[in-house]
Amino acid sequence: MEALITYDDFRKVDIRVGEILEVLDFERAKNPSYKVRVNFGAEIGEKWSSVQAKLAYTKEELLGRQVLAVVNFPPKNIAGFQSEVLILGVEKGDGSLSLLEPSRKPAVIGFRVY
């Protein structure tokens, strides 16, 4: 387990609800991945991310899906691609990824998670 943090530490992490608008193959990634364009609403706008979800989801399954993402990390260069946000997910135990998403949809796009 990691070191304990305070509630104020947690509040520094800006997690928002977004909707996937576009899904592209990401052939240069080391792990099976997609490039996705996500809409976070008027305040944040559209951002790109690399997501290692190719083993678990088709492009069609991702398109229009609501996801949770950290939006206040600096961009990360992944195989020459600037990933602007971190889409959250958990490993299913078989090496594939299960994306975190609102359980009651539609959620408000851009809404901050507390």
N, C-alpha and C. Protein backbone atom coordinates (compact mmCIF):
# COMPACT_ATOMS: atom_id res chain seq x y z
N MET A 1 0.85 -1.18 0.00
CA MET A 1 0.00 0.00 0.00
C MET A 1 0.89 1.24 0.00
N GLU A 2 0.46 2.23 -0.76
CA GLU A 2 1.17 3.50 -0.80
C GLU A 2 0.99 4.26 0.52
N ALA A 3 1.79 5.29 0.70
CA ALA A 3 1.68 6.13 1.89
C ALA A 3 0.30 6.79 1.95
N LEU A 4 -0.20 7.01 3.14
CA LEU A 4 -1.49 7.67 3.31
C LEU A 4 -1.40 9.12 2.86
N ILE A 5 -2.49 9.60 2.28
CA ILE A 5 -2.57 11.00 1.86
C ILE A 5 -3.73 11.65 2.60
N THR A 6 -3.78 12.95 2.55
CA THR A 6 -4.88 13.68 3.16
C THR A 6 -5.97 13.92 2.12
N TYR A 7 -7.13 14.34 2.60
CA TYR A 7 -8.21 14.69 1.68
C TYR A 7 -7.78 15.84 0.78
N ASP A 8 -7.01 16.79 1.32
CA ASP A 8 -6.51 17.91 0.52
C ASP A 8 -5.60 17.41 -0.61
N ASP A 9 -4.79 16.37 -0.34
CA ASP A 9 -3.97 15.77 -1.39
C ASP A 9 -4.86 15.21 -2.50
N PHE A 10 -5.91 14.49 -2.12
CA PHE A 10 -6.82 13.91 -3.10
C PHE A 10 -7.49 14.99 -3.94
N ARG A 11 -7.85 16.10 -3.32
CA ARG A 11 -8.53 17.19 -4.05
C ARG A 11 -7.66 17.79 -5.14
N LYS A 12 -6.36 17.60 -5.08
CA LYS A 12 -5.46 18.11 -6.12
C LYS A 12 -5.60 17.32 -7.42
N VAL A 13 -6.11 16.10 -7.32
CA VAL A 13 -6.30 15.26 -8.51
C VAL A 13 -7.65 15.63 -9.13
N ASP A 14 -7.61 16.15 -10.35
CA ASP A 14 -8.83 16.60 -11.04
C ASP A 14 -9.33 15.46 -11.94
N ILE A 15 -10.34 14.74 -11.46
CA ILE A 15 -10.93 13.63 -12.22
C ILE A 15 -12.26 14.11 -12.77
N ARG A 16 -12.44 13.95 -14.08
CA ARG A 16 -13.65 14.45 -14.75
C ARG A 16 -14.32 13.35 -15.57
N VAL A 17 -15.60 13.56 -15.83
CA VAL A 17 -16.36 12.70 -16.73
C VAL A 17 -16.17 13.21 -18.15
N GLY A 18 -15.82 12.29 -19.05
CA GLY A 18 -15.67 12.65 -20.45
C GLY A 18 -16.39 11.65 -21.34
N GLU A 19 -16.59 12.04 -22.58
CA GLU A 19 -17.22 11.16 -23.57
C GLU A 19 -16.26 10.96 -24.74
N ILE A 20 -16.01 9.71 -25.09
CA ILE A 20 -15.09 9.40 -26.19
C ILE A 20 -15.76 9.73 -27.52
N LEU A 21 -15.09 10.61 -28.29
CA LEU A 21 -15.62 11.07 -29.58
C LEU A 21 -14.97 10.40 -30.78
N GLU A 22 -13.73 9.96 -30.62
CA GLU A 22 -12.98 9.40 -31.75
C GLU A 22 -12.01 8.34 -31.22
N VAL A 23 -11.87 7.25 -31.97
CA VAL A 23 -10.98 6.16 -31.59
C VAL A 23 -10.13 5.77 -32.79
N LEU A 24 -8.81 5.82 -32.63
CA LEU A 24 -7.87 5.47 -33.69
C LEU A 24 -6.94 4.37 -33.22
N ASP A 25 -6.51 3.52 -34.14
CA ASP A 25 -5.50 2.52 -33.80
C ASP A 25 -4.20 3.23 -33.44
N PHE A 26 -3.43 2.66 -32.53
CA PHE A 26 -2.16 3.22 -32.10
C PHE A 26 -1.10 2.14 -32.28
N GLU A 27 -0.66 1.99 -33.51
CA GLU A 27 0.26 0.91 -33.88
C GLU A 27 1.64 1.05 -33.24
N ARG A 28 2.09 2.27 -32.96
CA ARG A 28 3.44 2.47 -32.42
C ARG A 28 3.54 2.18 -30.93
N ALA A 29 2.43 2.05 -30.24
CA ALA A 29 2.45 1.79 -28.80
C ALA A 29 3.01 0.39 -28.52
N LYS A 30 3.73 0.28 -27.40
CA LYS A 30 4.33 -1.00 -27.01
C LYS A 30 3.25 -2.03 -26.67
N ASN A 31 2.22 -1.60 -25.96
CA ASN A 31 1.10 -2.46 -25.59
C ASN A 31 -0.09 -2.15 -26.49
N PRO A 32 -0.98 -3.13 -26.73
CA PRO A 32 -2.14 -2.89 -27.60
C PRO A 32 -2.99 -1.72 -27.10
N SER A 33 -3.02 -0.66 -27.89
CA SER A 33 -3.64 0.60 -27.44
C SER A 33 -4.41 1.29 -28.55
N TYR A 34 -5.22 2.24 -28.13
CA TYR A 34 -5.91 3.16 -29.03
C TYR A 34 -5.49 4.58 -28.68
N LYS A 35 -5.63 5.49 -29.64
CA LYS A 35 -5.62 6.92 -29.39
C LYS A 35 -7.09 7.32 -29.35
N VAL A 36 -7.49 8.05 -28.32
CA VAL A 36 -8.88 8.46 -28.22
C VAL A 36 -8.98 9.96 -27.98
N ARG A 37 -9.98 10.56 -28.60
CA ARG A 37 -10.29 11.98 -28.39
C ARG A 37 -11.52 12.02 -27.49
N VAL A 38 -11.38 12.76 -26.38
CA VAL A 38 -12.42 12.77 -25.35
C VAL A 38 -12.92 14.20 -25.13
N ASN A 39 -14.23 14.36 -25.08
CA ASN A 39 -14.86 15.65 -24.79
C ASN A 39 -15.11 15.76 -23.28
N PHE A 40 -14.56 16.82 -22.66
CA PHE A 40 -14.78 17.08 -21.24
C PHE A 40 -15.62 18.32 -21.01
N GLY A 41 -16.34 18.78 -22.01
CA GLY A 41 -17.22 19.93 -21.84
C GLY A 41 -16.51 21.25 -22.06
N ALA A 42 -17.26 22.33 -21.89
CA ALA A 42 -16.78 23.68 -22.22
C ALA A 42 -15.56 24.11 -21.41
N GLU A 43 -15.49 23.75 -20.14
CA GLU A 43 -14.39 24.22 -19.29
C GLU A 43 -13.04 23.65 -19.71
N ILE A 44 -12.99 22.37 -20.07
CA ILE A 44 -11.73 21.69 -20.39
C ILE A 44 -11.58 21.45 -21.89
N GLY A 45 -12.69 21.21 -22.56
CA GLY A 45 -12.64 20.97 -23.99
C GLY A 45 -12.31 19.53 -24.35
N GLU A 46 -11.79 19.35 -25.55
CA GLU A 46 -11.44 18.02 -26.05
C GLU A 46 -9.96 17.76 -25.83
N LYS A 47 -9.66 16.55 -25.38
CA LYS A 47 -8.28 16.14 -25.11
C LYS A 47 -8.05 14.76 -25.72
N TRP A 48 -6.78 14.48 -26.04
CA TRP A 48 -6.38 13.18 -26.57
C TRP A 48 -5.72 12.35 -25.48
N SER A 49 -5.91 11.04 -25.58
CA SER A 49 -5.28 10.13 -24.62
C SER A 49 -4.95 8.82 -25.34
N SER A 50 -3.92 8.16 -24.82
CA SER A 50 -3.62 6.80 -25.21
C SER A 50 -4.22 5.89 -24.15
N VAL A 51 -4.94 4.86 -24.57
CA VAL A 51 -5.56 3.95 -23.61
C VAL A 51 -5.28 2.51 -24.02
N GLN A 52 -4.74 1.73 -23.09
CA GLN A 52 -4.39 0.33 -23.35
C GLN A 52 -5.63 -0.55 -23.20
N ALA A 53 -6.58 -0.35 -24.09
CA ALA A 53 -7.86 -1.05 -23.98
C ALA A 53 -8.17 -1.91 -25.20
N LYS A 54 -7.20 -2.10 -26.08
CA LYS A 54 -7.46 -2.81 -27.33
C LYS A 54 -7.81 -4.28 -27.12
N LEU A 55 -7.32 -4.89 -26.04
CA LEU A 55 -7.63 -6.29 -25.76
C LEU A 55 -9.05 -6.47 -25.22
N ALA A 56 -9.62 -5.41 -24.67
CA ALA A 56 -10.93 -5.52 -24.01
C ALA A 56 -12.07 -4.88 -24.77
N TYR A 57 -11.77 -3.89 -25.62
CA TYR A 57 -12.83 -3.12 -26.28
C TYR A 57 -12.54 -2.97 -27.77
N THR A 58 -13.59 -3.01 -28.56
CA THR A 58 -13.47 -2.64 -29.97
C THR A 58 -13.60 -1.12 -30.06
N LYS A 59 -13.24 -0.59 -31.21
CA LYS A 59 -13.42 0.85 -31.43
C LYS A 59 -14.88 1.25 -31.25
N GLU A 60 -15.78 0.41 -31.77
CA GLU A 60 -17.20 0.71 -31.71
C GLU A 60 -17.71 0.72 -30.26
N GLU A 61 -17.16 -0.15 -29.41
CA GLU A 61 -17.56 -0.18 -28.00
C GLU A 61 -17.09 1.06 -27.24
N LEU A 62 -15.99 1.64 -27.66
CA LEU A 62 -15.46 2.82 -26.99
C LEU A 62 -16.14 4.10 -27.44
N LEU A 63 -16.50 4.17 -28.71
CA LEU A 63 -17.10 5.38 -29.26
C LEU A 63 -18.40 5.72 -28.53
N GLY A 64 -18.46 6.93 -27.97
CA GLY A 64 -19.64 7.38 -27.24
C GLY A 64 -19.66 6.98 -25.77
N ARG A 65 -18.70 6.18 -25.34
CA ARG A 65 -18.64 5.72 -23.94
C ARG A 65 -18.21 6.85 -23.03
N GLN A 66 -18.86 6.94 -21.88
CA GLN A 66 -18.44 7.89 -20.86
C GLN A 66 -17.35 7.24 -20.01
N VAL A 67 -16.30 8.01 -19.71
CA VAL A 67 -15.16 7.52 -18.94
C VAL A 67 -14.78 8.54 -17.88
N LEU A 68 -13.98 8.09 -16.92
CA LEU A 68 -13.40 8.97 -15.91
C LEU A 68 -11.92 9.13 -16.23
N ALA A 69 -11.42 10.37 -16.11
CA ALA A 69 -10.02 10.62 -16.46
C ALA A 69 -9.44 11.71 -15.57
N VAL A 70 -8.14 11.58 -15.30
CA VAL A 70 -7.39 12.64 -14.63
C VAL A 70 -7.00 13.65 -15.70
N VAL A 71 -7.40 14.90 -15.50
CA VAL A 71 -7.19 15.91 -16.53
C VAL A 71 -6.11 16.92 -16.18
N ASN A 72 -5.49 16.80 -15.00
CA ASN A 72 -4.49 17.80 -14.62
C ASN A 72 -3.08 17.23 -14.46
N PHE A 73 -2.77 16.15 -15.18
CA PHE A 73 -1.40 15.70 -15.33
C PHE A 73 -0.79 16.44 -16.51
N PRO A 74 0.54 16.64 -16.52
CA PRO A 74 1.15 17.20 -17.73
C PRO A 74 1.08 16.17 -18.86
N PRO A 75 1.07 16.62 -20.12
CA PRO A 75 1.05 15.67 -21.23
C PRO A 75 2.23 14.71 -21.15
N LYS A 76 1.99 13.46 -21.61
CA LYS A 76 3.02 12.43 -21.58
C LYS A 76 3.26 11.93 -23.00
N ASN A 77 4.53 11.88 -23.40
CA ASN A 77 4.89 11.39 -24.72
C ASN A 77 4.90 9.86 -24.69
N ILE A 78 4.01 9.26 -25.46
CA ILE A 78 3.94 7.81 -25.56
C ILE A 78 4.14 7.45 -27.02
N ALA A 79 5.32 6.91 -27.32
CA ALA A 79 5.66 6.49 -28.69
C ALA A 79 5.41 7.61 -29.70
N GLY A 80 5.80 8.85 -29.35
CA GLY A 80 5.66 9.98 -30.25
C GLY A 80 4.29 10.65 -30.24
N PHE A 81 3.39 10.19 -29.38
CA PHE A 81 2.04 10.73 -29.27
C PHE A 81 1.90 11.44 -27.93
N GLN A 82 1.34 12.65 -27.93
CA GLN A 82 1.15 13.40 -26.69
C GLN A 82 -0.20 13.03 -26.05
N SER A 83 -0.13 12.23 -25.00
CA SER A 83 -1.33 11.85 -24.26
C SER A 83 -1.58 12.95 -23.23
N GLU A 84 -2.75 13.62 -23.33
CA GLU A 84 -3.03 14.81 -22.52
C GLU A 84 -3.76 14.51 -21.22
N VAL A 85 -4.46 13.39 -21.15
CA VAL A 85 -5.21 13.00 -19.95
C VAL A 85 -4.99 11.52 -19.69
N LEU A 86 -5.25 11.09 -18.47
CA LEU A 86 -5.12 9.68 -18.09
C LEU A 86 -6.51 9.10 -17.86
N ILE A 87 -6.96 8.26 -18.78
CA ILE A 87 -8.24 7.58 -18.62
C ILE A 87 -8.04 6.46 -17.60
N LEU A 88 -8.95 6.39 -16.63
CA LEU A 88 -8.80 5.45 -15.53
C LEU A 88 -9.43 4.09 -15.84
N GLY A 89 -8.77 3.06 -15.38
CA GLY A 89 -9.27 1.70 -15.56
C GLY A 89 -8.62 0.77 -14.56
N VAL A 90 -9.13 -0.43 -14.48
CA VAL A 90 -8.57 -1.45 -13.61
C VAL A 90 -8.32 -2.71 -14.42
N GLU A 91 -7.30 -3.47 -14.02
CA GLU A 91 -7.01 -4.72 -14.71
C GLU A 91 -8.03 -5.76 -14.29
N LYS A 92 -8.47 -6.56 -15.26
CA LYS A 92 -9.48 -7.58 -14.99
C LYS A 92 -8.88 -8.89 -14.48
N GLY A 93 -7.56 -9.01 -14.48
CA GLY A 93 -6.94 -10.25 -14.03
C GLY A 93 -6.44 -11.10 -15.18
N ASP A 94 -6.93 -10.83 -16.38
CA ASP A 94 -6.48 -11.57 -17.56
C ASP A 94 -5.58 -10.71 -18.44
N GLY A 95 -5.13 -9.57 -17.89
CA GLY A 95 -4.28 -8.66 -18.64
C GLY A 95 -5.04 -7.59 -19.39
N SER A 96 -6.37 -7.71 -19.47
CA SER A 96 -7.15 -6.70 -20.16
C SER A 96 -7.61 -5.64 -19.16
N LEU A 97 -8.13 -4.55 -19.69
CA LEU A 97 -8.49 -3.39 -18.90
C LEU A 97 -10.00 -3.20 -18.87
N SER A 98 -10.52 -2.83 -17.72
CA SER A 98 -11.91 -2.44 -17.58
C SER A 98 -11.92 -0.95 -17.24
N LEU A 99 -12.45 -0.13 -18.14
CA LEU A 99 -12.46 1.32 -17.94
C LEU A 99 -13.44 1.71 -16.85
N LEU A 100 -13.06 2.71 -16.05
CA LEU A 100 -13.96 3.24 -15.03
C LEU A 100 -14.93 4.21 -15.69
N GLU A 101 -16.19 4.06 -15.35
CA GLU A 101 -17.21 4.91 -15.96
C GLU A 101 -18.33 5.14 -14.96
N PRO A 102 -19.11 6.20 -15.17
CA PRO A 102 -20.25 6.44 -14.28
C PRO A 102 -21.21 5.25 -14.34
N SER A 103 -21.74 4.87 -13.19
CA SER A 103 -22.66 3.73 -13.16
C SER A 103 -24.07 4.12 -13.60
N ARG A 104 -24.41 5.39 -13.50
CA ARG A 104 -25.72 5.88 -13.95
C ARG A 104 -25.49 6.90 -15.04
N LYS A 105 -25.94 6.55 -16.23
CA LYS A 105 -25.69 7.40 -17.39
C LYS A 105 -27.01 7.93 -17.93
N PRO A 106 -26.95 9.05 -18.61
CA PRO A 106 -25.75 9.81 -18.88
C PRO A 106 -25.36 10.70 -17.68
N ALA A 107 -24.07 10.74 -17.41
CA ALA A 107 -23.54 11.67 -16.40
C ALA A 107 -23.26 13.00 -17.10
N VAL A 108 -23.11 14.04 -16.33
CA VAL A 108 -22.83 15.37 -16.89
C VAL A 108 -21.40 15.41 -17.38
N ILE A 109 -21.20 15.67 -18.69
CA ILE A 109 -19.88 15.76 -19.27
C ILE A 109 -19.11 16.90 -18.61
N GLY A 110 -17.88 16.62 -18.21
CA GLY A 110 -17.04 17.62 -17.56
C GLY A 110 -17.21 17.70 -16.07
N PHE A 111 -18.18 16.96 -15.51
CA PHE A 111 -18.41 17.02 -14.06
C PHE A 111 -17.19 16.49 -13.32
N ARG A 112 -16.81 17.19 -12.26
CA ARG A 112 -15.66 16.78 -11.45
C ARG A 112 -16.07 15.72 -10.44
N VAL A 113 -15.24 14.69 -10.30
CA VAL A 113 -15.48 13.61 -9.36
C VAL A 113 -14.94 14.01 -7.99
N TYR A 114 -15.74 13.81 -6.96
CA TYR A 114 -15.32 14.11 -5.58
C TYR A 114 -15.41 12.86 -4.75
